[in-house]
Amino acid sequence: YSAEHGGPYWLVDELYVEAAHRGRGLGRATLDLVARLARERGASVIKLEVSQHNPEAAKLYLRAGFTDEKRRVLVQRLPAS
C-alpha cells in the first residue's frame, strides 16, 4: 500500500530476458501483462527500479509508459541473525 499513490501498488522486482531472446517484445509483453493484472486487482501504480548502468532496460520501461521520477534508492543491508 502506498500513501503517496493513494492505494495499493505492484512492484516489479526482477525482470530479466536472456540476451539471446532480447528484441523480440518479451519484456514489453511481460510489462503489459503485469499492468493488466495489477489493474484487475485494484492497483493504480506499478513501480520498478533500473540501474543506471542498464540504459537499454530504462528505454524499454520508458516506452512501456513508466516515468523517471528522479529518485534515489537507498538500501541498508542487515546482518544475518
Protein backbone atom coordinates (compact mmCIF):
# COMPACT_ATOMS: atom_id res chain seq x y z
CA TYR A 1 0.00 0.00 0.00
CA SER A 2 1.30 3.47 -0.86
CA ALA A 3 0.01 6.57 0.88
CA GLU A 4 1.85 8.61 -1.75
CA HIS A 5 -0.08 6.98 -4.58
CA GLY A 6 -3.34 6.59 -2.70
CA GLY A 7 -3.68 2.84 -2.64
CA PRO A 8 -2.19 -0.48 -3.49
CA TYR A 9 0.70 -0.73 -5.91
CA TRP A 10 2.68 -3.50 -7.54
CA LEU A 11 6.45 -3.80 -7.54
CA VAL A 12 8.32 -5.45 -10.39
CA ASP A 13 11.32 -6.72 -8.51
CA GLU A 14 13.12 -8.67 -11.23
CA LEU A 15 12.61 -8.66 -14.98
CA TYR A 16 15.30 -10.36 -17.00
CA VAL A 17 15.28 -11.51 -20.60
CA GLU A 18 18.24 -13.60 -21.70
CA ALA A 19 20.41 -11.85 -24.24
CA ALA A 20 19.60 -14.36 -26.99
CA HIS A 21 15.89 -13.54 -26.68
CA ARG A 22 16.03 -9.75 -26.39
CA GLY A 23 14.48 -7.53 -29.03
CA ARG A 24 11.52 -9.85 -29.59
CA GLY A 25 8.97 -8.00 -27.47
CA LEU A 26 9.11 -10.37 -24.50
CA GLY A 27 9.92 -7.66 -21.96
CA ARG A 28 7.15 -5.40 -23.27
CA ALA A 29 4.66 -8.26 -23.31
CA THR A 30 5.55 -9.08 -19.72
CA LEU A 31 5.10 -5.46 -18.64
CA ASP A 32 1.75 -5.30 -20.43
CA LEU A 33 0.63 -8.45 -18.63
CA VAL A 34 1.76 -7.08 -15.27
CA ALA A 35 -0.18 -3.84 -15.93
CA ARG A 36 -3.33 -5.74 -16.82
CA LEU A 37 -3.12 -7.96 -13.75
CA ALA A 38 -2.34 -5.02 -11.46
CA ARG A 39 -5.36 -3.07 -12.74
CA GLU A 40 -7.62 -6.11 -12.37
CA ARG A 41 -6.51 -6.44 -8.74
CA GLY A 42 -7.06 -2.80 -7.83
CA ALA A 43 -3.59 -1.31 -8.12
CA SER A 44 -3.18 2.12 -9.65
CA VAL A 45 0.63 2.19 -9.78
CA ILE A 46 3.43 -0.16 -10.78
CA LYS A 47 6.93 0.58 -9.56
CA LEU A 48 10.26 -0.81 -10.64
CA GLU A 49 13.92 0.04 -10.35
CA VAL A 50 16.54 0.12 -13.06
CA SER A 51 20.27 0.52 -12.57
CA GLN A 52 21.97 3.48 -14.19
CA HIS A 53 24.29 1.05 -15.94
CA ASN A 54 21.35 -0.52 -17.81
CA PRO A 55 20.15 2.15 -20.27
CA GLU A 56 18.55 -0.38 -22.63
CA ALA A 57 16.23 -1.60 -19.88
CA ALA A 58 15.41 2.01 -18.99
CA LYS A 59 14.43 2.67 -22.62
CA LEU A 60 12.08 -0.34 -22.54
CA TYR A 61 10.42 0.88 -19.35
CA LEU A 62 10.01 4.42 -20.67
CA ARG A 63 8.49 3.11 -23.92
CA ALA A 64 6.11 0.99 -21.82
CA GLY A 65 4.77 4.10 -20.08
CA PHE A 66 6.90 4.30 -16.94
CA THR A 67 8.25 7.70 -15.92
CA ASP A 68 11.60 8.54 -14.41
CA GLU A 69 10.81 10.17 -11.07
CA LYS A 70 14.48 11.04 -10.47
CA ARG A 71 14.66 9.29 -7.11
CA ARG A 72 17.50 7.55 -5.39
CA VAL A 73 17.12 4.10 -3.91
CA LEU A 74 18.83 3.68 -0.56
CA VAL A 75 19.45 0.24 0.89
CA GLN A 76 20.51 -0.88 4.34
CA ARG A 77 21.74 -4.46 4.43
CA LEU A 78 21.11 -6.10 7.78
CA PRO A 79 23.42 -8.69 9.28
CA ALA A 80 22.12 -12.25 9.36
CA SER A 81 20.63 -13.22 12.69
